[in-house]
PDB file of N, CA and C in Angstrom:
ATOM      1  N   MET A   1      57.849  82.264 140.199  1.00  0.00           N
ATOM      2  CA  MET A   1      56.792  81.433 139.746  1.00  0.00           C
ATOM      3  C   MET A   1      56.189  81.270 140.871  1.00  0.00           C
ATOM      4  N   ASN A   2      54.386  81.705 140.828  1.00  0.00           N
ATOM      5  CA  ASN A   2      53.621  81.632 141.576  1.00  0.00           C
ATOM      6  C   ASN A   2      52.702  80.142 141.449  1.00  0.00           C
ATOM      7  N   LYS A   3      52.231  79.650 142.914  1.00  0.00           N
ATOM      8  CA  LYS A   3      50.785  78.272 142.425  1.00  0.00           C
ATOM      9  C   LYS A   3      49.802  79.486 143.274  1.00  0.00           C
ATOM     10  N   ILE A   4      48.666  79.220 141.995  1.00  0.00           N
ATOM     11  CA  ILE A   4      47.676  79.970 142.168  1.00  0.00           C
ATOM     12  C   ILE A   4      46.169  79.122 142.484  1.00  0.00           C
ATOM     13  N   GLU A   5      45.772  78.764 143.327  1.00  0.00           N
ATOM     14  CA  GLU A   5      44.669  77.854 143.775  1.00  0.00           C
ATOM     15  C   GLU A   5      43.700  78.729 144.115  1.00  0.00           C
ATOM     16  N   ALA A   6      42.901  78.714 143.583  1.00  0.00           N
ATOM     17  CA  ALA A   6      40.945  78.775 143.363  1.00  0.00           C
ATOM     18  C   ALA A   6      40.136  78.152 143.739  1.00  0.00           C
ATOM     19  N   ILE A   7      38.913  78.554 144.888  1.00  0.00           N
ATOM     20  CA  ILE A   7      37.635  77.968 145.114  1.00  0.00           C
ATOM     21  C   ILE A   7      36.708  78.543 144.602  1.00  0.00           C
ATOM     22  N   ILE A   8      36.226  77.847 143.376  1.00  0.00           N
ATOM     23  CA  ILE A   8      35.100  78.541 143.128  1.00  0.00           C
ATOM     24  C   ILE A   8      33.628  78.116 142.850  1.00  0.00           C
ATOM     25  N   ARG A   9      32.861  78.621 142.537  1.00  0.00           N
ATOM     26  CA  ARG A   9      31.630  77.716 142.296  1.00  0.00           C
ATOM     27  C   ARG A   9      31.372  76.710 141.167  1.00  0.00           C
ATOM     28  N   PRO A  10      30.916  75.619 141.049  1.00  0.00           N
ATOM     29  CA  PRO A  10      30.650  74.879 140.188  1.00  0.00           C
ATOM     30  C   PRO A  10      30.688  75.060 138.791  1.00  0.00           C
ATOM     31  N   GLU A  11      29.387  76.102 138.869  1.00  0.00           N
ATOM     32  CA  GLU A  11      28.691  76.337 137.783  1.00  0.00           C
ATOM     33  C   GLU A  11      29.296  77.434 136.600  1.00  0.00           C
ATOM     34  N   LYS A  12      31.002  78.070 137.552  1.00  0.00           N
ATOM     35  CA  LYS A  12      31.767  79.001 136.963  1.00  0.00           C
ATOM     36  C   LYS A  12      32.835  78.469 135.893  1.00  0.00           C
ATOM     37  N   LEU A  13      33.248  76.731 136.609  1.00  0.00           N
ATOM     38  CA  LEU A  13      34.659  76.535 136.098  1.00  0.00           C
ATOM     39  C   LEU A  13      34.196  76.407 134.218  1.00  0.00           C
ATOM     40  N   GLU A  14      33.495  76.040 133.361  1.00  0.00           N
ATOM     41  CA  GLU A  14      33.589  76.443 132.087  1.00  0.00           C
ATOM     42  C   GLU A  14      33.986  77.507 131.258  1.00  0.00           C
ATOM     43  N   THR A  15      32.930  78.599 132.008  1.00  0.00           N
ATOM     44  CA  THR A  15      33.501  80.087 131.977  1.00  0.00           C
ATOM     45  C   THR A  15      34.944  80.356 132.128  1.00  0.00           C
ATOM     46  N   LEU A  16      35.586  80.012 133.205  1.00  0.00           N
ATOM     47  CA  LEU A  16      36.491  80.393 133.999  1.00  0.00           C
ATOM     48  C   LEU A  16      37.334  79.572 132.903  1.00  0.00           C
ATOM     49  N   LYS A  17      37.421  78.573 132.858  1.00  0.00           N
ATOM     50  CA  LYS A  17      38.056  77.625 131.758  1.00  0.00           C
ATOM     51  C   LYS A  17      38.955  78.220 130.822  1.00  0.00           C
ATOM     52  N   ASN A  18      37.478  78.977 129.654  1.00  0.00           N
ATOM     53  CA  ASN A  18      37.499  79.594 128.680  1.00  0.00           C
ATOM     54  C   ASN A  18      38.243  80.648 128.495  1.00  0.00           C
ATOM     55  N   ALA A  19      38.171  81.321 129.474  1.00  0.00           N
ATOM     56  CA  ALA A  19      38.420  83.248 129.408  1.00  0.00           C
ATOM     57  C   ALA A  19      40.247  82.804 129.955  1.00  0.00           C
ATOM     58  N   LEU A  20      40.436  81.853 130.468  1.00  0.00           N
ATOM     59  CA  LEU A  20      42.080  81.362 130.572  1.00  0.00           C
ATOM     60  C   LEU A  20      42.776  80.807 129.360  1.00  0.00           C
ATOM     61  N   ALA A  21      41.636  80.257 128.940  1.00  0.00           N
ATOM     62  CA  ALA A  21      42.614  79.691 127.376  1.00  0.00           C
ATOM     63  C   ALA A  21      42.496  80.912 126.615  1.00  0.00           C
ATOM     64  N   GLU A  22      41.459  81.567 126.378  1.00  0.00           N
ATOM     65  CA  GLU A  22      41.618  82.556 125.353  1.00  0.00           C
ATOM     66  C   GLU A  22      42.768  83.405 125.851  1.00  0.00           C
ATOM     67  N   ALA A  23      43.347  83.922 127.053  1.00  0.00           N
ATOM     68  CA  ALA A  23      44.037  84.675 127.559  1.00  0.00           C
ATOM     69  C   ALA A  23      45.489  83.987 127.503  1.00  0.00           C
ATOM     70  N   GLY A  24      45.712  82.870 127.155  1.00  0.00           N
ATOM     71  CA  GLY A  24      46.658  81.780 126.942  1.00  0.00           C
ATOM     72  C   GLY A  24      47.155  81.214 127.904  1.00  0.00           C
ATOM     73  N   PHE A  25      46.425  80.679 129.135  1.00  0.00           N
ATOM     74  CA  PHE A  25      46.881  80.058 130.123  1.00  0.00           C
ATOM     75  C   PHE A  25      46.119  78.517 129.958  1.00  0.00           C
ATOM     76  N   PHE A  26      46.534  77.498 129.627  1.00  0.00           N
ATOM     77  CA  PHE A  26      46.025  76.230 129.336  1.00  0.00           C
ATOM     78  C   PHE A  26      46.351  75.065 130.454  1.00  0.00           C
ATOM     79  N   GLY A  27      47.237  74.997 131.217  1.00  0.00           N
ATOM     80  CA  GLY A  27      47.951  74.410 132.072  1.00  0.00           C
ATOM     81  C   GLY A  27      47.317  74.350 133.067  1.00  0.00           C
ATOM     82  N   LEU A  28      46.141  73.783 133.717  1.00  0.00           N
ATOM     83  CA  LEU A  28      45.575  73.543 134.926  1.00  0.00           C
ATOM     84  C   LEU A  28      44.832  72.169 135.558  1.00  0.00           C
ATOM     85  N   ASN A  29      44.903  72.043 136.913  1.00  0.00           N
ATOM     86  CA  ASN A  29      44.233  71.042 137.359  1.00  0.00           C
ATOM     87  C   ASN A  29      42.860  71.572 138.080  1.00  0.00           C
ATOM     88  N   VAL A  30      41.998  70.582 138.213  1.00  0.00           N
ATOM     89  CA  VAL A  30      40.874  70.926 138.381  1.00  0.00           C
ATOM     90  C   VAL A  30      40.308  69.316 139.818  1.00  0.00           C
ATOM     91  N   VAL A  31      39.931  69.978 140.841  1.00  0.00           N
ATOM     92  CA  VAL A  31      39.396  68.845 141.766  1.00  0.00           C
ATOM     93  C   VAL A  31      38.294  69.697 142.723  1.00  0.00           C
ATOM     94  N   ASN A  32      37.579  68.400 142.515  1.00  0.00           N
ATOM     95  CA  ASN A  32      36.076  68.847 143.112  1.00  0.00           C
ATOM     96  C   ASN A  32      36.409  68.731 144.561  1.00  0.00           C
ATOM     97  N   VAL A  33      35.482  69.776 145.643  1.00  0.00           N
ATOM     98  CA  VAL A  33      35.773  69.836 146.679  1.00  0.00           C
ATOM     99  C   VAL A  33      34.700  70.361 147.217  1.00  0.00           C
ATOM    100  N   THR A  34      34.437  69.913 148.631  1.00  0.00           N
ATOM    101  CA  THR A  34      33.606  70.397 149.691  1.00  0.00           C
ATOM    102  C   THR A  34      34.038  71.269 150.596  1.00  0.00           C
ATOM    103  N   GLY A  35      33.231  72.083 151.123  1.00  0.00           N
ATOM    104  CA  GLY A  35      33.964  73.181 152.155  1.00  0.00           C
ATOM    105  C   GLY A  35      32.782  74.220 152.218  1.00  0.00           C
ATOM    106  N   ARG A  36      33.159  74.902 153.464  1.00  0.00           N
ATOM    107  CA  ARG A  36      32.718  75.865 153.970  1.00  0.00           C
ATOM    108  C   ARG A  36      33.415  76.978 154.158  1.00  0.00           C
ATOM    109  N   GLY A  37      32.775  78.139 154.417  1.00  0.00           N
ATOM    110  CA  GLY A  37      33.831  79.373 155.021  1.00  0.00           C
ATOM    111  C   GLY A  37      32.720  80.198 155.701  1.00  0.00           C
ATOM    112  N   ILE A  38      33.071  81.674 155.401  1.00  0.00           N
ATOM    113  CA  ILE A  38      32.330  82.710 156.389  1.00  0.00           C
ATOM    114  C   ILE A  38      30.729  82.408 157.133  1.00  0.00           C
ATOM    115  N   GLN A  39      29.897  81.981 155.500  1.00  0.00           N
ATOM    116  CA  GLN A  39      28.421  81.643 155.459  1.00  0.00           C
ATOM    117  C   GLN A  39      28.315  80.575 156.487  1.00  0.00           C
ATOM    118  N   ARG A  40      29.508  79.356 156.486  1.00  0.00           N
ATOM    119  CA  ARG A  40      29.102  78.240 157.294  1.00  0.00           C
ATOM    120  C   ARG A  40      28.028  77.375 156.466  1.00  0.00           C
ATOM    121  N   GLY A  41      27.627  77.142 155.409  1.00  0.00           N
ATOM    122  CA  GLY A  41      26.635  76.233 155.000  1.00  0.00           C
ATOM    123  C   GLY A  41      25.412  77.002 154.223  1.00  0.00           C
ATOM    124  N   ILE A  42      24.409  76.560 154.188  1.00  0.00           N
ATOM    125  CA  ILE A  42      23.073  76.796 153.864  1.00  0.00           C
ATOM    126  C   ILE A  42      22.275  76.349 154.852  1.00  0.00           C
ATOM    127  N   THR A  43      20.780  77.051 155.067  1.00  0.00           N
ATOM    128  CA  THR A  43      19.636  76.283 155.540  1.00  0.00           C
ATOM    129  C   THR A  43      18.698  76.462 154.560  1.00  0.00           C
ATOM    130  N   TYR A  44      17.822  75.809 154.576  1.00  0.00           N
ATOM    131  CA  TYR A  44      16.143  76.069 153.798  1.00  0.00           C
ATOM    132  C   TYR A  44      15.469  75.203 154.212  1.00  0.00           C
ATOM    133  N   VAL A  45      13.991  75.487 153.861  1.00  0.00           N
ATOM    134  CA  VAL A  45      12.845  74.868 154.492  1.00  0.00           C
ATOM    135  C   VAL A  45      12.146  74.235 153.389  1.00  0.00           C
ATOM    136  N   GLY A  46      12.278  72.847 154.073  1.00  0.00           N
ATOM    137  CA  GLY A  46      11.567  71.980 152.569  1.00  0.00           C
ATOM    138  C   GLY A  46      10.411  72.429 153.009  1.00  0.00           C
ATOM    139  N   ARG A  47       9.775  71.106 152.096  1.00  0.00           N
ATOM    140  CA  ARG A  47       8.443  71.710 151.991  1.00  0.00           C
ATOM    141  C   ARG A  47       7.311  71.426 152.996  1.00  0.00           C
ATOM    142  N   THR A  48       7.868  70.651 153.723  1.00  0.00           N
ATOM    143  CA  THR A  48       7.104  70.249 154.968  1.00  0.00           C
ATOM    144  C   THR A  48       7.145  71.647 156.390  1.00  0.00           C
ATOM    145  N   GLY A  49       8.216  72.413 156.038  1.00  0.00           N
ATOM    146  CA  GLY A  49       8.214  73.519 156.404  1.00  0.00           C
ATOM    147  C   GLY A  49       9.442  72.942 157.799  1.00  0.00           C
ATOM    148  N   GLU A  50      10.159  72.035 157.510  1.00  0.00           N
ATOM    149  CA  GLU A  50      11.571  71.418 158.279  1.00  0.00           C
ATOM    150  C   GLU A  50      12.326  71.970 157.828  1.00  0.00           C
ATOM    151  N   LYS A  51      12.821  72.617 158.579  1.00  0.00           N
ATOM    152  CA  LYS A  51      14.516  73.312 158.359  1.00  0.00           C
ATOM    153  C   LYS A  51      15.757  71.893 158.314  1.00  0.00           C
ATOM    154  N   HIS A  52      16.161  72.344 156.690  1.00  0.00           N
ATOM    155  CA  HIS A  52      17.473  71.764 156.765  1.00  0.00           C
ATOM    156  C   HIS A  52      18.837  71.955 156.190  1.00  0.00           C
ATOM    157  N   SER A  53      20.272  72.144 157.378  1.00  0.00           N
ATOM    158  CA  SER A  53      20.896  72.636 156.812  1.00  0.00           C
ATOM    159  C   SER A  53      22.022  71.809 156.385  1.00  0.00           C
ATOM    160  N   ILE A  54      22.660  72.535 155.599  1.00  0.00           N
ATOM    161  CA  ILE A  54      23.697  71.754 154.621  1.00  0.00           C
ATOM    162  C   ILE A  54      25.516  72.627 155.066  1.00  0.00           C
ATOM    163  N   ASP A  55      26.257  71.866 155.600  1.00  0.00           N
ATOM    164  CA  ASP A  55      27.004  72.473 156.092  1.00  0.00           C
ATOM    165  C   ASP A  55      28.430  72.983 155.350  1.00  0.00           C
ATOM    166  N   MET A  56      28.254  71.727 154.968  1.00  0.00           N
ATOM    167  CA  MET A  56      29.418  71.388 153.619  1.00  0.00           C
ATOM    168  C   MET A  56      29.014  71.831 151.767  1.00  0.00           C
ATOM    169  N   LEU A  57      29.561  72.841 151.073  1.00  0.00           N
ATOM    170  CA  LEU A  57      28.715  72.817 149.976  1.00  0.00           C
ATOM    171  C   LEU A  57      29.647  72.394 148.867  1.00  0.00           C
ATOM    172  N   PRO A  58      29.235  71.661 147.931  1.00  0.00           N
ATOM    173  CA  PRO A  58      30.358  71.486 146.690  1.00  0.00           C
ATOM    174  C   PRO A  58      31.244  72.879 146.303  1.00  0.00           C
ATOM    175  N   LYS A  59      32.622  73.012 145.754  1.00  0.00           N
ATOM    176  CA  LYS A  59      33.084  73.763 145.282  1.00  0.00           C
ATOM    177  C   LYS A  59      33.910  72.987 144.048  1.00  0.00           C
ATOM    178  N   VAL A  60      34.779  73.657 143.427  1.00  0.00           N
ATOM    179  CA  VAL A  60      36.070  73.274 142.232  1.00  0.00           C
ATOM    180  C   VAL A  60      37.074  74.385 143.096  1.00  0.00           C
ATOM    181  N   LYS A  61      38.097  73.360 142.826  1.00  0.00           N
ATOM    182  CA  LYS A  61      39.656  74.093 143.000  1.00  0.00           C
ATOM    183  C   LYS A  61      40.256  73.821 141.642  1.00  0.00           C
ATOM    184  N   LEU A  62      40.920  75.297 141.025  1.00  0.00           N
ATOM    185  CA  LEU A  62      41.557  74.870 140.501  1.00  0.00           C
ATOM    186  C   LEU A  62      43.451  75.246 140.675  1.00  0.00           C
ATOM    187  N   GLU A  63      43.975  74.709 140.256  1.00  0.00           N
ATOM    188  CA  GLU A  63      45.259  74.868 140.692  1.00  0.00           C
ATOM    189  C   GLU A  63      46.032  75.116 139.137  1.00  0.00           C
ATOM    190  N   LEU A  64      47.165  76.169 139.371  1.00  0.00           N
ATOM    191  CA  LEU A  64      47.758  76.723 138.457  1.00  0.00           C
ATOM    192  C   LEU A  64      49.275  77.390 138.782  1.00  0.00           C
ATOM    193  N   VAL A  65      49.777  76.919 138.143  1.00  0.00           N
ATOM    194  CA  VAL A  65      51.574  77.551 138.234  1.00  0.00           C
ATOM    195  C   VAL A  65      51.677  78.178 136.787  1.00  0.00           C
ATOM    196  N   VAL A  66      52.090  79.899 137.436  1.00  0.00           N
ATOM    197  CA  VAL A  66      52.378  80.522 136.224  1.00  0.00           C
ATOM    198  C   VAL A  66      53.439  81.744 136.649  1.00  0.00           C
ATOM    199  N   ARG A  67      54.088  82.332 135.724  1.00  0.00           N
ATOM    200  CA  ARG A  67      55.074  82.997 135.663  1.00  0.00           C
ATOM    201  C   ARG A  67      54.763  84.277 136.637  1.00  0.00           C
ATOM    202  N   GLU A  68      55.541  84.605 137.733  1.00  0.00           N
ATOM    203  CA  GLU A  68      55.542  85.762 138.752  1.00  0.00           C
ATOM    204  C   GLU A  68      54.594  86.725 137.731  1.00  0.00           C
ATOM    205  N   ALA A  69      54.782  87.111 136.596  1.00  0.00           N
ATOM    206  CA  ALA A  69      54.914  88.363 135.827  1.00  0.00           C
ATOM    207  C   ALA A  69      53.272  87.940 135.335  1.00  0.00           C
ATOM    208  N   ASP A  70      52.622  86.731 135.401  1.00  0.00           N
ATOM    209  CA  ASP A  70      51.558  86.381 134.901  1.00  0.00           C
ATOM    210  C   ASP A  70      50.171  86.519 136.032  1.00  0.00           C
ATOM    211  N   THR A  71      51.037  86.262 137.349  1.00  0.00           N
ATOM    212  CA  THR A  71      49.936  86.184 138.704  1.00  0.00           C
ATOM    213  C   THR A  71      48.746  87.204 138.404  1.00  0.00           C
ATOM    214  N   GLU A  72      49.094  88.658 138.101  1.00  0.00           N
ATOM    215  CA  GLU A  72      47.798  89.639 138.671  1.00  0.00           C
ATOM    216  C   GLU A  72      46.494  89.351 137.416  1.00  0.00           C
ATOM    217  N   LYS A  73      47.425  89.029 136.141  1.00  0.00           N
ATOM    218  CA  LYS A  73      46.730  88.421 135.337  1.00  0.00           C
ATOM    219  C   LYS A  73      45.726  87.488 135.544  1.00  0.00           C
ATOM    220  N   VAL A  74      46.192  86.656 135.848  1.00  0.00           N
ATOM    221  CA  VAL A  74      45.003  85.529 136.121  1.00  0.00           C
ATOM    222  C   VAL A  74      44.518  85.727 136.988  1.00  0.00           C
ATOM    223  N   ILE A  75      44.646  86.192 138.262  1.00  0.00           N
ATOM    224  CA  ILE A  75      43.920  86.858 139.018  1.00  0.00           C
ATOM    225  C   ILE A  75      42.859  87.557 138.892  1.00  0.00           C
ATOM    226  N   GLU A  76      42.734  88.590 138.356  1.00  0.00           N
ATOM    227  CA  GLU A  76      41.603  89.258 137.563  1.00  0.00           C
ATOM    228  C   GLU A  76      40.846  88.667 136.658  1.00  0.00           C
ATOM    229  N   ILE A  77      41.676  87.514 135.751  1.00  0.00           N
ATOM    230  CA  ILE A  77      40.839  86.744 135.108  1.00  0.00           C
ATOM    231  C   ILE A  77      39.643  85.778 136.137  1.00  0.00           C
ATOM    232  N   ILE A  78      40.168  85.560 137.054  1.00  0.00           N
ATOM    233  CA  ILE A  78      39.525  84.035 137.704  1.00  0.00           C
ATOM    234  C   ILE A  78      38.430  85.147 138.571  1.00  0.00           C
ATOM    235  N   VAL A  79      38.801  86.387 138.919  1.00  0.00           N
ATOM    236  CA  VAL A  79      37.827  87.203 139.445  1.00  0.00           C
ATOM    237  C   VAL A  79      36.547  87.048 138.723  1.00  0.00           C
ATOM    238  N   ALA A  80      37.105  88.277 137.630  1.00  0.00           N
ATOM    239  CA  ALA A  80      36.113  88.463 136.405  1.00  0.00           C
ATOM    240  C   ALA A  80      35.260  87.435 136.061  1.00  0.00           C
ATOM    241  N   ASN A  81      35.848  85.879 136.336  1.00  0.00           N
ATOM    242  CA  ASN A  81      34.871  85.104 135.838  1.00  0.00           C
ATOM    243  C   ASN A  81      34.485  84.371 136.797  1.00  0.00           C
ATOM    244  N   SER A  82      34.358  84.767 137.760  1.00  0.00           N
ATOM    245  CA  SER A  82      33.856  83.722 139.005  1.00  0.00           C
ATOM    246  C   SER A  82      32.501  84.751 139.864  1.00  0.00           C
ATOM    247  N   ARG A  83      32.709  85.539 139.808  1.00  0.00           N
ATOM    248  CA  ARG A  83      32.721  86.645 140.967  1.00  0.00           C
ATOM    249  C   ARG A  83      30.832  86.701 140.425  1.00  0.00           C
ATOM    250  N   THR A  84      29.680  86.414 141.271  1.00  0.00           N
ATOM    251  CA  THR A  84      28.201  86.539 141.024  1.00  0.00           C
ATOM    252  C   THR A  84      27.777  87.821 141.948  1.00  0.00           C
ATOM    253  N   GLY A  85      28.911  88.202 142.917  1.00  0.00           N
ATOM    254  CA  GLY A  85      28.615  89.356 144.146  1.00  0.00           C
ATOM    255  C   GLY A  85      27.383  88.240 145.285  1.00  0.00           C
ATOM    256  N   GLU A  86      27.721  87.213 145.450  1.00  0.00           N
ATOM    257  CA  GLU A  86      27.125  86.740 146.013  1.00  0.00           C
ATOM    258  C   GLU A  86      27.594  86.211 147.494  1.00  0.00           C
ATOM    259  N   ILE A  87      27.474  85.679 148.595  1.00  0.00           N
ATOM    260  CA  ILE A  87      28.522  85.036 149.623  1.00  0.00           C
ATOM    261  C   ILE A  87      28.737  83.903 148.745  1.00  0.00           C
ATOM    262  N   GLY A  88      29.954  83.276 149.234  1.00  0.00           N
ATOM    263  CA  GLY A  88      30.495  81.762 148.779  1.00  0.00           C
ATOM    264  C   GLY A  88      31.132  81.849 147.505  1.00  0.00           C
ATOM    265  N   ASP A  89      31.519  82.780 146.641  1.00  0.00           N
ATOM    266  CA  ASP A  89      31.882  83.211 145.523  1.00  0.00           C
ATOM    267  C   ASP A  89      33.220  82.534 145.635  1.00  0.00           C
ATOM    268  N   GLY A  90      33.607  81.835 146.547  1.00  0.00           N
ATOM    269  CA  GLY A  90      35.512  81.170 146.833  1.00  0.00           C
ATOM    270  C   GLY A  90      36.443  82.696 147.437  1.00  0.00           C
ATOM    271  N   LYS A  91      37.396  81.533 146.953  1.00  0.00           N
ATOM    272  CA  LYS A  91      38.991  82.259 147.366  1.00  0.00           C
ATOM    273  C   LYS A  91      40.059  82.023 146.541  1.00  0.00           C
ATOM    274  N   ILE A  92      41.085  83.166 146.820  1.00  0.00           N
ATOM    275  CA  ILE A  92      42.144  82.523 145.847  1.00  0.00           C
ATOM    276  C   ILE A  92      43.100  82.694 146.727  1.00  0.00           C
ATOM    277  N   PHE A  93      44.236  81.717 146.649  1.00  0.00           N
ATOM    278  CA  PHE A  93      45.443  81.952 147.447  1.00  0.00           C
ATOM    279  C   PHE A  93      46.544  81.743 146.728  1.00  0.00           C
ATOM    280  N   VAL A  94      47.531  82.378 146.648  1.00  0.00           N
ATOM    281  CA  VAL A  94      48.486  82.434 145.954  1.00  0.00           C
ATOM    282  C   VAL A  94      50.387  81.983 146.874  1.00  0.00           C
ATOM    283  N   ALA A  95      50.788  81.556 146.101  1.00  0.00           N
ATOM    284  CA  ALA A  95      52.017  80.755 146.941  1.00  0.00           C
ATOM    285  C   ALA A  95      52.969  80.277 146.112  1.00  0.00           C
ATOM    286  N   PRO A  96      54.390  80.958 146.958  1.00  0.00           N
ATOM    287  CA  PRO A  96      55.515  80.800 145.550  1.00  0.00           C
ATOM    288  C   PRO A  96      56.162  79.381 145.669  1.00  0.00           C
ATOM    289  N   ILE A  97      56.511  79.220 143.726  1.00  0.00           N
ATOM    290  CA  ILE A  97      56.974  77.928 143.381  1.00  0.00           C
ATOM    291  C   ILE A  97      58.720  77.769 143.144  1.00  0.00           C
ATOM    292  N   THR A  98      59.267  77.356 144.316  1.00  0.00           N
ATOM    293  CA  THR A  98      61.068  77.351 143.940  1.00  0.00           C
ATOM    294  C   THR A  98      61.383  76.315 142.867  1.00  0.00           C
ATOM    295  N   GLU A  99      60.723  75.676 142.060  1.00  0.00           N
ATOM    296  CA  GLU A  99      61.034  74.965 141.575  1.00  0.00           C
ATOM    297  C   GLU A  99      60.002  73.803 140.544  1.00  0.00           C
ATOM    298  N   VAL A 100      60.005  73.648 139.074  1.00  0.00           N
ATOM    299  CA  VAL A 100      59.181  72.779 138.467  1.00  0.00           C
ATOM    300  C   VAL A 100      59.996  72.456 137.248  1.00  0.00           C
ATOM    301  N   ILE A 101      59.865  70.854 137.326  1.00  0.00           N
ATOM    302  CA  ILE A 101      60.205  69.914 136.821  1.00  0.00           C
ATOM    303  C   ILE A 101      59.212  69.303 135.555  1.00  0.00           C
ATOM    304  N   ARG A 102      59.245  69.704 134.499  1.00  0.00           N
ATOM    305  CA  ARG A 102      58.943  68.635 133.669  1.00  0.00           C
ATOM    306  C   ARG A 102      59.449  67.272 133.413  1.00  0.00           C
ATOM    307  N   VAL A 103      58.291  65.998 134.049  1.00  0.00           N
ATOM    308  CA  VAL A 103      58.977  64.834 133.978  1.00  0.00           C
ATOM    309  C   VAL A 103      59.073  64.326 132.108  1.00  0.00           C
ATOM    310  N   ARG A 104      58.702  64.466 131.227  1.00  0.00           N
ATOM    311  CA  ARG A 104      59.076  63.682 130.118  1.00  0.00           C
ATOM    312  C   ARG A 104      60.366  64.320 129.699  1.00  0.00           C
ATOM    313  N   THR A 105      60.617  65.743 130.039  1.00  0.00           N
ATOM    314  CA  THR A 105      62.542  66.238 129.102  1.00  0.00           C
ATOM    315  C   THR A 105      63.353  66.763 130.165  1.00  0.00           C
ATOM    316  N   GLY A 106      63.060  66.847 131.539  1.00  0.00           N
ATOM    317  CA  GLY A 106      63.616  67.218 132.351  1.00  0.00           C
ATOM    318  C   GLY A 106      63.957  68.349 132.558  1.00  0.00           C
ATOM    319  N   GLU A 107      63.196  69.130 131.795  1.00  0.00           N
ATOM    320  CA  GLU A 107      63.598  70.597 132.053  1.00  0.00           C
ATOM    321  C   GLU A 107      63.084  71.131 133.217  1.00  0.00           C
ATOM    322  N   ARG A 108      63.696  72.405 133.500  1.00  0.00           N
ATOM    323  CA  ARG A 108      63.616  73.185 134.926  1.00  0.00           C
ATOM    324  C   ARG A 108      62.897  74.523 134.861  1.00  0.00           C
ATOM    325  N   GLY A 109      62.516  75.046 135.177  1.00  0.00           N
ATOM    326  CA  GLY A 109      62.122  76.272 135.728  1.00  0.00           C
ATOM    327  C   GLY A 109      60.806  76.922 134.922  1.00  0.00           C
ATOM    328  N   GLU A 110      60.922  78.159 134.749  1.00  0.00           N
ATOM    329  CA  GLU A 110      59.834  78.460 133.451  1.00  0.00           C
ATOM    330  C   GLU A 110      60.266  78.028 131.958  1.00  0.00           C
ATOM    331  N   GLU A 111      60.763  77.302 131.778  1.00  0.00           N
ATOM    332  CA  GLU A 111      60.672  76.514 130.245  1.00  0.00           C
ATOM    333  C   GLU A 111      59.599  75.350 130.521  1.00  0.00           C
ATOM    334  N   ALA A 112      59.745  75.018 131.714  1.00  0.00           N
ATOM    335  CA  ALA A 112      58.826  73.325 132.092  1.00  0.00           C
ATOM    336  C   ALA A 112      57.704  73.541 132.425  1.00  0.00           C
ATOM    337  N   LEU A 113      57.135  75.195 132.453  1.00  0.00           N
ATOM    338  CA  LEU A 113      56.049  75.378 132.359  1.00  0.00           C
ATOM    339  C   LEU A 113      54.914  75.165 131.031  1.00  0.00           C
TER     340      LEU A 113
END
């Protein structure tokens, strides 16, 4: 099993949630976060000509735990439904999960997913 964490643009969340559900991936957590990457934020010029910098941008972090065999499929869905081609599209992190336990029933492993 793998945990997939995806940091994406907030405006892509609904599209991505729908695409994951359509593919049979319903269980996920979503957290609103702020962050920055290589771009180190954005700078814009206000109406008065004054420059303003925002170095921490709003993003959304999705977390899913999936079977090893489904990892690449989920990654492909995330990329296809989150990419704009512009700086700031986000990142995907994949980490192994050694155990999952369903609290309600005590089930363990993939059956608990």
